[in-house]
Structures are given as C-alpha cells and as structure tokens.
C-alpha cells in the first residue's frame, strides 16, 4: 500500500491516532526477559502506562516536560529507540559520524515520545486482542498480530519484536493496516536529506513529528 495515499485518504490526524494507538498497546511491563512469551508481552497492555497518563496528563500543558518524562520512562524498557533511529537514517547512517547518529537517536526519541504523550493525553480505554497467540518462540525474532478496537473501528497491528542478548524482548517496528512505520519514517529522513543535503541540518530540522502532534493536540 502506498503510504502517502493511505495518509491522504484517512487524514493525517487519523493516521497519527493509529500510530499513537499502536505505541500505546506496545508499551508494556518494564522488562521482558527470556522466560516471557512475546505474545503475552503484547497482550498484557501496561496498566502502568495508563496510570502514568492519567496521573500526569494534567501537566501536559502546565509542565509538559514532566509529563513527557513520565511517559518516556515507561516506553524506554520495551522500545529499542537506538535500533529504530538507525533504521530511520537508512543508508545515511553509514555516512554519519558516531556523534551524529547519537544526536539523531536522541532527537528522534524526544519527538516521538512527545508526539505519543500529547496524542494519548485524553485517550479512553481501548479493547485490544492478540490474534492467534502462540507459545514462547525458539527464534529471536517474532511478529505479533493484534486488533485494536476503538470508536473509530478496528485497527490491525503487527509488532516486530527481537530478543536481545540479555534475553529481553524489544519492539523494533510496527505495521498498521499494512503501513510500515519504520519505512515511513525512513522515507521521511531520505526526503529531508534530499531537501537539506546535510545530516546535521536534517537532525536540526527533524520536527515533523512535533508538527503533527500540534494538529491533534
């Protein structure tokens, strides 16, 4: 499916809402270890995150950084921001210095967390269901399929998780109704490189996620 067509047809705000929805159901218990089933990890939507949102959402306007930090503390243990950010840079990651890669990872994480946190500040309860859950896989990479039901309808989500050397399951990508978020952000980075022609300028101008957040806040 063509991402641009999908976003245009459904509306940018609606597309972002699906993105935020997927991140919400992927933010789970603090540390998934080798003994845990990744299907159970995805299925067990974190009450901790919901509690953080409910207790800190009032600060979204008065003290937004406090709110963002609270949400980020829940997301960090399950989302592999380093892996995702390097993937978003694509072929340009090899051209970048270690410092540039580090700065982009920090910028990408900050904007993604802020977008997510602002978008879910007023989210109600969601009905989520893992489709055909399996047993603990022997391989270190697995795709977990899930349906997210909201008043807008049913969103089909596919999570890609990998088990690292420490035995923790980490989220590295999300596909929403056929739209690959990793590829979408990578295309965005490549387009920015064509526009600016310089990695430092791309990093400095990486505010698209925040601009989208402003439209739904």
N, C-alpha and C. Protein backbone atom coordinates (compact mmCIF):
# COMPACT_ATOMS: atom_id res chain seq x y z
N UNK A 1 0.84 -1.20 0.00
CA UNK A 1 0.00 0.00 0.00
C UNK A 1 0.87 1.24 0.00
N UNK A 2 0.48 2.23 -0.82
CA UNK A 2 1.22 3.48 -0.87
C UNK A 2 0.94 4.29 0.38
N UNK A 3 1.98 4.61 1.14
CA UNK A 3 1.80 5.30 2.42
C UNK A 3 1.18 6.66 2.25
N UNK A 4 1.67 7.44 1.28
CA UNK A 4 1.15 8.79 1.07
C UNK A 4 -0.34 8.76 0.76
N UNK A 5 -0.76 7.79 -0.08
CA UNK A 5 -2.17 7.68 -0.45
C UNK A 5 -3.00 7.33 0.77
N UNK A 6 -2.48 6.40 1.59
CA UNK A 6 -3.21 5.96 2.78
C UNK A 6 -3.41 7.11 3.74
N UNK A 7 -2.34 7.91 3.96
CA UNK A 7 -2.42 9.04 4.88
C UNK A 7 -3.39 10.08 4.35
N UNK A 8 -3.33 10.35 3.03
CA UNK A 8 -4.19 11.37 2.44
C UNK A 8 -5.65 10.95 2.54
N UNK A 9 -5.92 9.67 2.29
CA UNK A 9 -7.30 9.19 2.26
C UNK A 9 -7.91 9.18 3.65
N UNK A 10 -7.14 8.77 4.66
CA UNK A 10 -7.67 8.67 6.00
C UNK A 10 -7.56 9.96 6.80
N UNK A 11 -6.68 10.86 6.34
CA UNK A 11 -6.48 12.11 7.07
C UNK A 11 -5.27 11.99 7.97
N UNK A 12 -4.47 13.04 8.03
CA UNK A 12 -3.23 13.00 8.80
C UNK A 12 -3.49 12.77 10.27
N UNK A 13 -4.48 13.46 10.83
CA UNK A 13 -4.77 13.32 12.25
C UNK A 13 -5.22 11.90 12.57
N UNK A 14 -6.04 11.32 11.69
CA UNK A 14 -6.50 9.95 11.92
C UNK A 14 -5.34 8.97 11.83
N UNK A 15 -4.42 9.20 10.87
CA UNK A 15 -3.25 8.33 10.73
C UNK A 15 -2.40 8.38 11.99
N UNK A 16 -2.17 9.60 12.51
CA UNK A 16 -1.37 9.73 13.71
C UNK A 16 -2.04 9.03 14.88
N UNK A 17 -3.36 9.11 14.95
CA UNK A 17 -4.08 8.48 16.05
C UNK A 17 -3.83 6.97 16.05
N UNK A 18 -3.79 6.37 14.84
CA UNK A 18 -3.48 4.95 14.75
C UNK A 18 -2.05 4.67 15.23
N UNK A 19 -1.13 5.56 14.86
CA UNK A 19 0.26 5.40 15.28
C UNK A 19 0.35 5.43 16.80
N UNK A 20 -0.29 6.42 17.40
CA UNK A 20 -0.26 6.55 18.85
C UNK A 20 -0.92 5.36 19.51
N UNK A 21 -2.00 4.89 18.91
CA UNK A 21 -2.70 3.73 19.44
C UNK A 21 -1.78 2.52 19.47
N UNK A 22 -1.03 2.34 18.40
CA UNK A 22 -0.12 1.20 18.34
C UNK A 22 0.97 1.31 19.40
N UNK A 23 1.52 2.49 19.56
CA UNK A 23 2.56 2.68 20.57
C UNK A 23 2.00 2.44 21.96
N UNK A 24 0.76 2.83 22.18
CA UNK A 24 0.15 2.64 23.49
C UNK A 24 0.08 1.16 23.84
N UNK A 25 -0.42 0.35 22.92
CA UNK A 25 -0.57 -1.06 23.25
C UNK A 25 0.76 -1.79 23.25
N UNK A 26 1.81 -1.14 22.74
CA UNK A 26 3.13 -1.77 22.76
C UNK A 26 3.94 -1.40 23.99
N UNK A 27 3.48 -0.44 24.76
CA UNK A 27 4.22 -0.02 25.95
C UNK A 27 3.82 -0.89 27.12
N UNK A 28 4.67 -1.83 27.43
CA UNK A 28 4.27 -2.89 28.34
C UNK A 28 5.07 -2.89 29.62
N UNK A 29 5.01 -4.02 30.35
CA UNK A 29 5.70 -4.14 31.62
C UNK A 29 7.18 -3.85 31.48
N UNK A 30 7.83 -3.35 32.53
CA UNK A 30 9.18 -2.78 32.45
C UNK A 30 10.24 -3.61 31.76
N UNK A 31 10.35 -4.91 32.00
CA UNK A 31 11.44 -5.65 31.37
C UNK A 31 10.99 -7.05 31.01
N UNK A 32 10.94 -7.30 29.71
CA UNK A 32 10.54 -8.63 29.26
C UNK A 32 11.78 -9.50 29.18
N UNK A 33 11.82 -10.61 29.92
CA UNK A 33 13.00 -11.45 29.88
C UNK A 33 12.77 -12.71 29.08
N UNK A 34 13.78 -13.54 29.00
CA UNK A 34 13.73 -14.72 28.13
C UNK A 34 12.59 -15.66 28.49
N UNK A 35 12.17 -15.66 29.73
CA UNK A 35 11.13 -16.59 30.17
C UNK A 35 9.74 -16.12 29.73
N UNK A 36 9.62 -14.89 29.29
CA UNK A 36 8.33 -14.34 28.93
C UNK A 36 7.96 -14.68 27.50
N UNK A 37 6.67 -14.81 27.28
CA UNK A 37 6.13 -15.06 25.97
C UNK A 37 5.86 -13.71 25.31
N UNK A 38 6.41 -13.42 24.12
CA UNK A 38 6.21 -12.12 23.49
C UNK A 38 4.74 -11.84 23.18
N UNK A 39 3.96 -12.90 22.95
CA UNK A 39 2.53 -12.71 22.72
C UNK A 39 1.85 -12.20 23.99
N UNK A 40 2.29 -12.73 25.12
CA UNK A 40 1.76 -12.29 26.40
C UNK A 40 2.23 -10.88 26.70
N UNK A 41 3.47 -10.57 26.30
CA UNK A 41 4.01 -9.23 26.49
C UNK A 41 3.13 -8.21 25.79
N UNK A 42 2.77 -8.49 24.53
CA UNK A 42 1.93 -7.57 23.78
C UNK A 42 0.51 -7.56 24.33
N UNK A 43 0.01 -8.73 24.70
CA UNK A 43 -1.37 -8.86 25.17
C UNK A 43 -1.58 -8.14 26.50
N UNK A 44 -0.55 -8.16 27.33
CA UNK A 44 -0.69 -7.55 28.66
C UNK A 44 -0.47 -6.06 28.62
N UNK A 45 -1.44 -5.31 28.11
CA UNK A 45 -1.32 -3.85 27.99
C UNK A 45 -0.99 -3.25 29.35
N UNK A 46 -0.03 -2.40 29.34
CA UNK A 46 0.50 -1.90 30.60
C UNK A 46 -0.44 -0.97 31.34
N UNK A 47 -0.88 -1.43 32.49
CA UNK A 47 -1.67 -0.58 33.35
C UNK A 47 -0.82 0.55 33.90
N UNK A 48 0.48 0.26 33.99
CA UNK A 48 1.40 1.29 34.49
C UNK A 48 1.39 2.51 33.59
N UNK A 49 1.42 2.29 32.25
CA UNK A 49 1.42 3.41 31.33
C UNK A 49 0.12 4.19 31.42
N UNK A 50 -0.99 3.46 31.48
CA UNK A 50 -2.28 4.13 31.59
C UNK A 50 -2.36 4.96 32.86
N UNK A 51 -1.83 4.41 33.95
CA UNK A 51 -1.82 5.16 35.21
C UNK A 51 -0.95 6.40 35.11
N UNK A 52 0.19 6.25 34.41
CA UNK A 52 1.09 7.40 34.22
C UNK A 52 0.37 8.49 33.43
N UNK A 53 -0.33 8.09 32.38
CA UNK A 53 -1.04 9.06 31.56
C UNK A 53 -2.13 9.76 32.38
N UNK A 54 -2.89 8.97 33.12
CA UNK A 54 -3.99 9.55 33.90
C UNK A 54 -3.48 10.49 35.00
N UNK A 55 -2.39 10.11 35.62
CA UNK A 55 -1.90 10.92 36.74
C UNK A 55 -1.06 12.11 36.31
N UNK A 56 -0.49 12.04 35.10
CA UNK A 56 0.40 13.11 34.66
C UNK A 56 -0.15 13.96 33.53
N UNK A 57 -1.25 13.51 32.89
CA UNK A 57 -1.83 14.27 31.79
C UNK A 57 -2.15 15.72 32.15
N UNK A 58 -2.56 16.01 33.41
CA UNK A 58 -2.82 17.41 33.76
C UNK A 58 -1.61 18.32 33.57
N UNK A 59 -0.41 17.71 33.55
CA UNK A 59 0.80 18.51 33.38
C UNK A 59 1.16 18.71 31.90
N UNK A 60 0.36 18.13 31.00
CA UNK A 60 0.68 18.21 29.57
C UNK A 60 0.82 19.65 29.10
N UNK A 61 0.05 20.55 29.69
CA UNK A 61 0.13 21.97 29.31
C UNK A 61 0.94 22.80 30.29
N UNK A 62 0.77 22.53 31.59
CA UNK A 62 1.44 23.36 32.60
C UNK A 62 2.92 23.01 32.76
N UNK A 63 3.25 21.73 32.62
CA UNK A 63 4.64 21.27 32.76
C UNK A 63 4.85 20.09 31.82
N UNK A 64 4.84 20.34 30.49
CA UNK A 64 4.88 19.24 29.52
C UNK A 64 6.09 18.33 29.66
N UNK A 65 7.25 18.87 30.00
CA UNK A 65 8.44 18.02 30.09
C UNK A 65 8.29 16.99 31.20
N UNK A 66 7.65 17.36 32.29
CA UNK A 66 7.39 16.41 33.38
C UNK A 66 6.52 15.26 32.87
N UNK A 67 5.51 15.61 32.10
CA UNK A 67 4.61 14.60 31.53
C UNK A 67 5.34 13.72 30.53
N UNK A 68 6.12 14.33 29.64
CA UNK A 68 6.87 13.56 28.64
C UNK A 68 7.84 12.58 29.31
N UNK A 69 8.52 13.06 30.34
CA UNK A 69 9.49 12.21 31.03
C UNK A 69 8.82 11.01 31.67
N UNK A 70 7.65 11.21 32.23
CA UNK A 70 6.93 10.12 32.87
C UNK A 70 6.54 9.05 31.86
N UNK A 71 6.09 9.49 30.69
CA UNK A 71 5.72 8.55 29.63
C UNK A 71 6.96 7.85 29.08
N UNK A 72 8.03 8.62 28.87
CA UNK A 72 9.27 8.06 28.31
C UNK A 72 9.84 6.96 29.21
N UNK A 73 9.72 7.14 30.52
CA UNK A 73 10.25 6.15 31.45
C UNK A 73 9.56 4.80 31.30
N UNK A 74 8.32 4.81 30.83
CA UNK A 74 7.60 3.57 30.61
C UNK A 74 7.95 2.96 29.25
N UNK A 75 8.16 3.81 28.26
CA UNK A 75 8.43 3.33 26.90
C UNK A 75 9.85 2.79 26.72
N UNK A 76 10.82 3.41 27.37
CA UNK A 76 12.22 3.05 27.15
C UNK A 76 12.53 1.56 27.32
N UNK A 77 12.01 0.89 28.35
CA UNK A 77 12.38 -0.51 28.54
C UNK A 77 11.91 -1.46 27.44
N UNK A 78 10.87 -1.10 26.68
CA UNK A 78 10.36 -2.03 25.68
C UNK A 78 10.67 -1.60 24.25
N UNK A 79 10.80 -0.31 23.99
CA UNK A 79 11.05 0.18 22.63
C UNK A 79 12.55 0.38 22.41
N UNK A 80 13.09 -0.25 21.37
CA UNK A 80 14.51 -0.11 21.06
C UNK A 80 14.70 1.13 20.18
N UNK A 81 14.73 2.29 20.81
CA UNK A 81 14.83 3.55 20.07
C UNK A 81 16.13 3.63 19.27
N UNK A 82 17.23 3.09 19.81
CA UNK A 82 18.51 3.14 19.10
C UNK A 82 18.43 2.41 17.77
N UNK A 83 17.89 1.19 17.81
CA UNK A 83 17.76 0.38 16.60
C UNK A 83 16.84 1.06 15.59
N UNK A 84 15.71 1.57 16.07
CA UNK A 84 14.74 2.20 15.18
C UNK A 84 15.32 3.45 14.53
N UNK A 85 16.00 4.27 15.32
CA UNK A 85 16.56 5.52 14.79
C UNK A 85 17.59 5.26 13.70
N UNK A 86 18.45 4.27 13.90
CA UNK A 86 19.45 3.92 12.89
C UNK A 86 18.76 3.42 11.63
N UNK A 87 17.68 2.66 11.81
CA UNK A 87 16.91 2.19 10.67
C UNK A 87 16.27 3.34 9.91
N UNK A 88 15.80 4.34 10.64
CA UNK A 88 15.20 5.52 10.01
C UNK A 88 16.23 6.27 9.18
N UNK A 89 17.46 6.34 9.65
CA UNK A 89 18.53 7.00 8.90
C UNK A 89 18.87 6.23 7.62
N UNK A 90 18.60 4.93 7.63
CA UNK A 90 18.84 4.13 6.44
C UNK A 90 20.30 4.15 6.00
N UNK A 91 20.53 4.28 4.71
CA UNK A 91 21.90 4.26 4.17
C UNK A 91 22.73 5.43 4.66
N UNK A 92 22.06 6.48 5.12
CA UNK A 92 22.79 7.66 5.58
C UNK A 92 23.44 7.42 6.95
N UNK A 93 23.03 6.35 7.63
CA UNK A 93 23.64 6.05 8.93
C UNK A 93 25.13 5.76 8.78
N UNK A 94 25.52 5.13 7.66
CA UNK A 94 26.93 4.81 7.43
C UNK A 94 27.74 6.08 7.13
N UNK A 95 27.08 7.08 6.59
CA UNK A 95 27.77 8.33 6.28
C UNK A 95 27.91 9.21 7.52
N UNK A 96 27.05 8.96 8.50
CA UNK A 96 27.03 9.81 9.70
C UNK A 96 28.14 9.41 10.65
N UNK A 97 28.59 10.38 11.44
CA UNK A 97 29.57 10.09 12.49
C UNK A 97 28.85 9.50 13.69
N UNK A 98 29.60 8.95 14.62
CA UNK A 98 29.00 8.39 15.83
C UNK A 98 28.23 9.46 16.58
N UNK A 99 28.77 10.68 16.59
CA UNK A 99 28.10 11.79 17.26
C UNK A 99 26.78 12.14 16.60
N UNK A 100 26.76 12.14 15.27
CA UNK A 100 25.54 12.45 14.54
C UNK A 100 24.48 11.39 14.76
N UNK A 101 24.89 10.11 14.75
CA UNK A 101 23.93 9.04 15.00
C UNK A 101 23.34 9.16 16.39
N UNK A 102 24.19 9.49 17.36
CA UNK A 102 23.73 9.63 18.73
C UNK A 102 22.76 10.81 18.87
N UNK A 103 23.09 11.92 18.21
CA UNK A 103 22.23 13.10 18.29
C UNK A 103 20.89 12.85 17.63
N UNK A 104 20.90 12.13 16.48
CA UNK A 104 19.63 11.86 15.83
C UNK A 104 18.78 10.92 16.67
N UNK A 105 19.40 9.91 17.26
CA UNK A 105 18.65 8.98 18.13
C UNK A 105 17.96 9.74 19.25
N UNK A 106 18.69 10.66 19.85
CA UNK A 106 18.13 11.46 20.95
C UNK A 106 16.99 12.34 20.45
N UNK A 107 17.18 12.97 19.30
CA UNK A 107 16.16 13.85 18.73
C UNK A 107 14.93 13.06 18.33
N UNK A 108 15.15 11.92 17.67
CA UNK A 108 14.06 11.07 17.21
C UNK A 108 13.23 10.58 18.40
N UNK A 109 13.91 10.11 19.42
CA UNK A 109 13.21 9.61 20.61
C UNK A 109 12.41 10.71 21.29
N UNK A 110 13.03 11.89 21.44
CA UNK A 110 12.36 13.00 22.10
C UNK A 110 11.08 13.38 21.37
N UNK A 111 11.17 13.54 20.04
CA UNK A 111 9.99 13.96 19.28
C UNK A 111 8.92 12.88 19.25
N UNK A 112 9.34 11.61 19.13
CA UNK A 112 8.37 10.53 19.08
C UNK A 112 7.64 10.40 20.41
N UNK A 113 8.37 10.51 21.51
CA UNK A 113 7.75 10.42 22.84
C UNK A 113 6.80 11.60 23.05
N UNK A 114 7.21 12.80 22.66
CA UNK A 114 6.35 13.98 22.83
C UNK A 114 5.08 13.85 22.00
N UNK A 115 5.22 13.36 20.77
CA UNK A 115 4.07 13.15 19.90
C UNK A 115 3.11 12.15 20.52
N UNK A 116 3.66 11.05 20.96
CA UNK A 116 2.86 10.00 21.57
C UNK A 116 2.17 10.49 22.84
N UNK A 117 2.93 11.12 23.72
CA UNK A 117 2.40 11.56 25.01
C UNK A 117 1.27 12.57 24.84
N UNK A 118 1.45 13.53 23.94
CA UNK A 118 0.41 14.52 23.72
C UNK A 118 -0.82 13.90 23.07
N UNK A 119 -0.60 12.94 22.19
CA UNK A 119 -1.71 12.32 21.50
C UNK A 119 -2.59 11.45 22.38
N UNK A 120 -2.01 10.82 23.39
CA UNK A 120 -2.78 9.90 24.23
C UNK A 120 -3.25 10.54 25.53
N UNK A 121 -3.00 11.83 25.71
CA UNK A 121 -3.35 12.50 26.96
C UNK A 121 -4.83 12.34 27.29
N UNK A 122 -5.67 12.28 26.27
CA UNK A 122 -7.11 12.17 26.50
C UNK A 122 -7.69 10.86 25.99
N UNK A 123 -6.82 9.87 25.80
CA UNK A 123 -7.31 8.59 25.29
C UNK A 123 -8.18 7.88 26.31
N UNK A 124 -9.25 7.27 25.84
CA UNK A 124 -10.08 6.45 26.72
C UNK A 124 -9.57 5.02 26.70
N UNK A 125 -10.39 4.12 27.21
CA UNK A 125 -10.00 2.71 27.25
C UNK A 125 -10.02 2.11 25.85
N UNK A 126 -9.10 1.21 25.61
CA UNK A 126 -9.01 0.52 24.33
C UNK A 126 -9.23 -0.97 24.54
N UNK A 127 -9.85 -1.60 23.56
CA UNK A 127 -10.05 -3.04 23.60
C UNK A 127 -9.04 -3.67 22.65
N UNK A 128 -8.07 -4.40 23.19
CA UNK A 128 -7.02 -4.98 22.36
C UNK A 128 -7.02 -6.49 22.48
N UNK A 129 -6.70 -7.14 21.38
CA UNK A 129 -6.71 -8.61 21.36
C UNK A 129 -5.62 -9.12 20.44
N UNK A 130 -4.77 -10.01 20.97
CA UNK A 130 -3.76 -10.65 20.16
C UNK A 130 -4.42 -11.74 19.33
N UNK A 131 -4.11 -11.75 18.04
CA UNK A 131 -4.69 -12.73 17.12
C UNK A 131 -3.81 -13.97 17.08
N UNK A 132 -4.41 -15.12 17.36
CA UNK A 132 -3.70 -16.40 17.33
C UNK A 132 -2.40 -16.37 18.13
N UNK A 133 -2.48 -16.12 19.43
CA UNK A 133 -1.25 -16.11 20.24
C UNK A 133 -0.57 -17.47 20.23
N UNK A 134 0.74 -17.46 20.27
CA UNK A 134 1.50 -18.70 20.24
C UNK A 134 2.27 -18.92 21.52
N UNK A 135 3.08 -19.95 21.52
CA UNK A 135 3.93 -20.25 22.68
C UNK A 135 5.23 -19.48 22.56
N UNK A 136 6.08 -19.60 23.57
CA UNK A 136 7.37 -18.91 23.54
C UNK A 136 8.17 -19.41 22.34
N UNK A 137 8.54 -18.53 21.42
CA UNK A 137 9.26 -18.97 20.22
C UNK A 137 10.71 -19.33 20.52
N UNK A 138 11.25 -20.23 19.72
CA UNK A 138 12.66 -20.60 19.89
C UNK A 138 13.57 -19.62 19.17
N UNK A 139 13.05 -18.96 18.14
CA UNK A 139 13.84 -17.97 17.41
C UNK A 139 13.82 -16.64 18.17
N UNK A 140 14.69 -15.73 17.76
CA UNK A 140 14.83 -14.47 18.48
C UNK A 140 14.12 -13.30 17.82
N UNK A 141 13.29 -13.60 16.85
CA UNK A 141 12.52 -12.55 16.17
C UNK A 141 11.11 -13.07 15.93
N UNK A 142 10.13 -12.25 16.22
CA UNK A 142 8.75 -12.71 16.06
C UNK A 142 7.85 -11.53 15.71
N UNK A 143 6.82 -11.81 14.93
CA UNK A 143 5.80 -10.82 14.62
C UNK A 143 4.53 -11.19 15.40
N UNK A 144 4.01 -10.25 16.13
CA UNK A 144 2.80 -10.48 16.92
C UNK A 144 1.68 -9.65 16.32
N UNK A 145 0.59 -10.32 15.95
CA UNK A 145 -0.55 -9.65 15.33
C UNK A 145 -1.58 -9.29 16.39
N UNK A 146 -2.17 -8.12 16.26
CA UNK A 146 -3.14 -7.66 17.25
C UNK A 146 -4.22 -6.81 16.59
N UNK A 147 -5.43 -6.86 17.18
CA UNK A 147 -6.51 -5.99 16.76
C UNK A 147 -6.79 -4.99 17.87
N UNK A 148 -6.88 -3.73 17.50
CA UNK A 148 -7.17 -2.67 18.45
C UNK A 148 -8.53 -2.09 18.09
N UNK A 149 -9.46 -2.20 19.03
CA UNK A 149 -10.82 -1.71 18.79
C UNK A 149 -11.04 -0.40 19.53
N UNK A 150 -11.51 0.60 18.79
CA UNK A 150 -11.85 1.89 19.37
C UNK A 150 -13.13 2.35 18.70
N UNK A 151 -13.60 3.53 19.05
CA UNK A 151 -14.83 4.02 18.46
C UNK A 151 -14.68 4.30 16.97
N UNK A 152 -13.41 4.44 16.51
CA UNK A 152 -13.17 4.66 15.09
C UNK A 152 -13.25 3.36 14.28
N UNK A 153 -13.19 2.23 14.98
CA UNK A 153 -13.24 0.94 14.30
C UNK A 153 -12.12 0.03 14.75
N UNK A 154 -11.76 -0.94 13.89
CA UNK A 154 -10.72 -1.92 14.21
C UNK A 154 -9.45 -1.59 13.46
N UNK A 155 -8.35 -1.52 14.19
CA UNK A 155 -7.04 -1.30 13.58
C UNK A 155 -6.23 -2.57 13.75
N UNK A 156 -5.70 -3.09 12.65
CA UNK A 156 -4.86 -4.28 12.70
C UNK A 156 -3.40 -3.85 12.83
N UNK A 157 -2.75 -4.40 13.83
CA UNK A 157 -1.38 -4.01 14.14
C UNK A 157 -0.47 -5.23 14.15
N UNK A 158 0.69 -5.09 13.55
CA UNK A 158 1.70 -6.14 13.59
C UNK A 158 2.95 -5.58 14.24
N UNK A 159 3.39 -6.22 15.33
CA UNK A 159 4.58 -5.79 16.04
C UNK A 159 5.74 -6.72 15.71
N UNK A 160 6.89 -6.14 15.44
CA UNK A 160 8.10 -6.93 15.28
C UNK A 160 8.92 -6.78 16.55
N UNK A 161 9.18 -7.90 17.22
CA UNK A 161 9.99 -7.89 18.42
C UNK A 161 11.19 -8.79 18.24
N UNK A 162 12.30 -8.40 18.85
CA UNK A 162 13.51 -9.23 18.82
C UNK A 162 13.96 -9.46 20.26
N UNK A 163 14.57 -10.60 20.47
CA UNK A 163 15.10 -10.92 21.79
C UNK A 163 16.60 -10.64 21.77
N UNK A 164 17.03 -9.72 22.63
CA UNK A 164 18.44 -9.34 22.64
C UNK A 164 19.28 -10.32 23.44
N UNK A 165 20.57 -10.03 23.54
CA UNK A 165 21.47 -10.95 24.23
C UNK A 165 21.16 -11.09 25.71
N UNK A 166 20.50 -10.09 26.26
CA UNK A 166 20.13 -10.13 27.69
C UNK A 166 18.83 -10.90 27.89
N UNK A 167 18.24 -11.37 26.78
CA UNK A 167 17.00 -12.13 26.88
C UNK A 167 15.76 -11.28 26.93
N UNK A 168 15.87 -9.98 26.66
CA UNK A 168 14.73 -9.08 26.71
C UNK A 168 14.09 -8.94 25.33
N UNK A 169 12.76 -8.93 25.30
CA UNK A 169 12.05 -8.70 24.05
C UNK A 169 11.93 -7.21 23.84
N UNK A 170 12.36 -6.75 22.65
CA UNK A 170 12.36 -5.33 22.32
C UNK A 170 11.54 -5.07 21.06
N UNK A 171 10.74 -4.03 21.10
CA UNK A 171 9.95 -3.64 19.94
C UNK A 171 10.82 -2.84 18.97
N UNK A 172 10.87 -3.27 17.70
CA UNK A 172 11.70 -2.57 16.71
C UNK A 172 10.90 -2.04 15.52
N UNK A 173 9.64 -2.44 15.39
CA UNK A 173 8.84 -1.90 14.28
C UNK A 173 7.37 -2.20 14.51
N UNK A 174 6.54 -1.37 13.86
CA UNK A 174 5.09 -1.53 13.92
C UNK A 174 4.53 -1.35 12.52
N UNK A 175 3.60 -2.23 12.14
CA UNK A 175 2.90 -2.11 10.86
C UNK A 175 1.42 -1.94 11.16
N UNK A 176 0.83 -0.85 10.68
CA UNK A 176 -0.57 -0.52 10.94
C UNK A 176 -1.38 -0.64 9.67
N UNK A 177 -2.31 -1.61 9.65
CA UNK A 177 -3.15 -1.80 8.47
C UNK A 177 -2.32 -1.80 7.18
N UNK A 178 -1.16 -2.44 7.23
CA UNK A 178 -0.31 -2.54 6.06
C UNK A 178 0.69 -1.42 5.88
N UNK A 179 0.63 -0.39 6.73
CA UNK A 179 1.56 0.74 6.64
C UNK A 179 2.73 0.50 7.59
N UNK A 180 3.92 0.37 7.03
CA UNK A 180 5.12 0.10 7.80
C UNK A 180 5.69 1.41 8.33
N UNK A 181 5.60 1.58 9.66
CA UNK A 181 6.03 2.86 10.25
C UNK A 181 7.53 3.08 10.11
N UNK A 182 8.31 2.01 10.21
CA UNK A 182 9.75 2.14 10.05
C UNK A 182 10.11 2.69 8.68
N UNK A 183 9.48 2.13 7.65
CA UNK A 183 9.74 2.58 6.29
C UNK A 183 9.22 4.01 6.07
N UNK A 184 8.10 4.34 6.72
CA UNK A 184 7.54 5.68 6.59
C UNK A 184 8.50 6.73 7.12
N UNK A 185 9.05 6.49 8.32
CA UNK A 185 10.00 7.44 8.88
C UNK A 185 11.30 7.47 8.09
N UNK A 186 11.71 6.30 7.54
CA UNK A 186 12.93 6.26 6.74
C UNK A 186 12.76 7.09 5.47
N UNK A 187 11.59 7.02 4.86
CA UNK A 187 11.32 7.83 3.67
C UNK A 187 11.33 9.30 4.02
N UNK A 188 10.83 9.62 5.21
CA UNK A 188 10.83 11.00 5.67
C UNK A 188 12.25 11.53 5.83
N UNK A 189 13.13 10.69 6.39
CA UNK A 189 14.52 11.11 6.58
C UNK A 189 15.20 11.30 5.22
N UNK A 190 14.97 10.35 4.30
CA UNK A 190 15.59 10.45 2.98
C UNK A 190 15.11 11.70 2.25
N UNK A 191 13.83 12.02 2.38
CA UNK A 191 13.31 13.22 1.73
C UNK A 191 13.94 14.47 2.33
N UNK A 192 14.14 14.46 3.63
CA UNK A 192 14.78 15.60 4.29
C UNK A 192 16.23 15.74 3.84
N UNK A 193 16.90 14.61 3.61
CA UNK A 193 18.28 14.66 3.12
C UNK A 193 18.32 15.25 1.72
N UNK A 194 17.34 14.91 0.89
CA UNK A 194 17.30 15.47 -0.46
C UNK A 194 17.04 16.98 -0.41
N UNK A 195 16.29 17.39 0.59
CA UNK A 195 15.95 18.81 0.73
C UNK A 195 17.13 19.63 1.27
N UNK A 196 17.75 19.09 2.32
CA UNK A 196 18.80 19.85 3.01
C UNK A 196 20.22 19.46 2.55
N UNK A 197 20.39 18.20 2.14
CA UNK A 197 21.69 17.76 1.67
C UNK A 197 22.76 17.67 2.73
N UNK A 198 22.37 17.69 4.00
CA UNK A 198 23.35 17.68 5.09
C UNK A 198 22.73 17.02 6.31
N UNK A 199 23.42 16.04 6.88
CA UNK A 199 22.88 15.29 8.02
C UNK A 199 22.63 16.19 9.22
N UNK A 200 23.55 17.10 9.51
CA UNK A 200 23.36 18.00 10.65
C UNK A 200 22.11 18.84 10.49
N UNK A 201 21.85 19.31 9.28
CA UNK A 201 20.66 20.12 9.03
C UNK A 201 19.39 19.28 9.17
N UNK A 202 19.47 18.03 8.74
CA UNK A 202 18.31 17.14 8.88
C UNK A 202 18.00 16.93 10.35
N UNK A 203 19.02 16.68 11.13
CA UNK A 203 18.82 16.46 12.57
C UNK A 203 18.23 17.71 13.22
N UNK A 204 18.76 18.86 12.87
CA UNK A 204 18.30 20.12 13.45
C UNK A 204 16.86 20.44 13.05
N UNK A 205 16.46 19.98 11.86
CA UNK A 205 15.12 20.30 11.36
C UNK A 205 14.12 19.18 11.61
N UNK A 206 14.54 18.13 12.30
CA UNK A 206 13.65 16.98 12.50
C UNK A 206 12.56 17.34 13.52
N UNK A 207 11.51 17.97 13.03
CA UNK A 207 10.42 18.38 13.90
C UNK A 207 9.06 18.00 13.34
N UNK A 208 9.08 17.15 12.30
CA UNK A 208 7.82 16.77 11.66
C UNK A 208 6.88 16.10 12.65
N UNK A 209 7.42 15.24 13.52
CA UNK A 209 6.56 14.55 14.48
C UNK A 209 5.89 15.55 15.41
N UNK A 210 6.64 16.56 15.84
CA UNK A 210 6.08 17.57 16.73
C UNK A 210 5.02 18.39 16.01
N UNK A 211 5.24 18.70 14.73
CA UNK A 211 4.28 19.47 13.97
C UNK A 211 2.97 18.70 13.82
N UNK A 212 3.06 17.39 13.61
CA UNK A 212 1.87 16.58 13.52
C UNK A 212 1.14 16.54 14.85
N UNK A 213 1.91 16.45 15.94
CA UNK A 213 1.32 16.43 17.28
C UNK A 213 0.49 17.69 17.52
N UNK A 214 0.97 18.84 17.03
CA UNK A 214 0.27 20.09 17.22
C UNK A 214 -1.12 20.06 16.57
N UNK A 215 -1.25 19.27 15.51
CA UNK A 215 -2.51 19.22 14.80
C UNK A 215 -3.58 18.40 15.52
N UNK A 216 -3.15 17.52 16.42
CA UNK A 216 -4.12 16.67 17.10
C UNK A 216 -4.25 16.98 18.58
N UNK A 217 -3.45 17.94 19.07
CA UNK A 217 -3.50 18.29 20.49
C UNK A 217 -4.64 19.26 20.78
